[in-house]
């Protein structure tokens, strides 16, 4: 059973809602493992390097999910 993806949750502004998240936090948002999240960072998730850390742009996570939804909807037509 698939749970619906709440894309608004990814972009809803809140106090303490960071613009950049760790790869582990992005994995949690996407409900995937850290290894999968690191693979996505290589080419599909927008990320930046801050010092020695790789951080994922939260808005990039939402865009990635939106792209998945568009591909899924296109294949169902």
Protein backbone atom coordinates (compact mmCIF):
# COMPACT_ATOMS: atom_id res chain seq x y z
CA UNK A 1 0.00 0.00 0.00
CA UNK A 2 1.36 3.39 -1.00
CA UNK A 3 0.91 6.42 1.18
CA UNK A 4 0.09 9.67 -0.60
CA UNK A 5 2.99 12.11 -0.90
CA UNK A 6 2.29 15.51 0.62
CA UNK A 7 4.36 17.80 -1.61
CA UNK A 8 3.13 20.84 0.30
CA UNK A 9 4.78 19.49 3.45
CA UNK A 10 8.14 19.84 1.73
CA UNK A 11 7.71 23.54 0.94
CA UNK A 12 5.50 24.78 3.78
CA UNK A 13 7.38 27.57 5.59
CA UNK A 14 7.68 27.12 9.34
CA UNK A 15 9.85 28.48 12.06
CA UNK A 16 12.88 26.22 12.24
CA UNK A 17 12.22 24.79 8.77
CA UNK A 18 15.71 24.87 7.24
CA UNK A 19 16.41 25.72 3.63
CA UNK A 20 19.17 23.11 3.57
CA UNK A 21 18.86 19.64 5.06
CA UNK A 22 21.35 16.82 5.49
CA UNK A 23 21.26 13.89 3.12
CA UNK A 24 19.89 11.79 5.99
CA UNK A 25 17.08 14.28 6.58
CA UNK A 26 16.31 14.35 2.85
CA UNK A 27 16.14 10.55 2.95
CA UNK A 28 13.60 10.85 5.76
CA UNK A 29 11.51 13.35 3.81
CA UNK A 30 11.50 11.04 0.80
CA UNK A 31 11.03 7.88 2.92
CA UNK A 32 14.07 6.22 1.30
CA UNK A 33 17.33 4.97 2.73
CA UNK A 34 20.46 7.09 3.08
CA UNK A 35 22.25 5.16 0.34
CA UNK A 36 19.41 5.87 -2.10
CA UNK A 37 19.43 9.54 -1.05
CA UNK A 38 23.17 9.80 -1.73
CA UNK A 39 22.62 8.24 -5.17
CA UNK A 40 19.92 10.84 -5.86
CA UNK A 41 22.26 13.65 -4.79
CA UNK A 42 24.66 12.64 -7.57
CA UNK A 43 22.28 13.73 -10.30
CA UNK A 44 18.66 14.21 -9.33
CA UNK A 45 18.50 16.13 -6.06
CA UNK A 46 19.77 19.67 -5.93
CA UNK A 47 22.53 19.94 -3.32
CA UNK A 48 25.34 22.24 -2.28
CA UNK A 49 28.64 21.76 -0.54
CA UNK A 50 29.10 23.77 2.65
CA UNK A 51 32.57 23.21 3.99
CA UNK A 52 33.04 19.47 3.94
CA UNK A 53 29.32 18.71 4.17
CA UNK A 54 26.93 17.97 1.33
CA UNK A 55 23.52 19.50 2.03
CA UNK A 56 20.32 19.06 0.05
CA UNK A 57 18.22 22.06 -0.94
CA UNK A 58 14.79 21.47 0.59
CA UNK A 59 13.05 23.07 -2.40
CA UNK A 60 15.00 20.66 -4.62
CA UNK A 61 13.38 17.73 -2.80
CA UNK A 62 9.95 19.15 -3.59
CA UNK A 63 10.90 19.66 -7.25
CA UNK A 64 12.18 16.08 -7.44
CA UNK A 65 8.88 14.75 -6.07
CA UNK A 66 6.91 16.99 -8.45
CA UNK A 67 8.93 15.54 -11.35
CA UNK A 68 8.18 11.99 -10.19
CA UNK A 69 4.48 12.81 -10.01
CA UNK A 70 4.51 14.30 -13.51
CA UNK A 71 6.28 11.23 -14.94
CA UNK A 72 3.86 8.94 -13.16
CA UNK A 73 0.82 10.87 -14.37
CA UNK A 74 2.15 10.95 -17.94
CA UNK A 75 2.66 7.17 -17.97
CA UNK A 76 -0.89 6.57 -16.73
CA UNK A 77 -2.45 8.47 -19.64
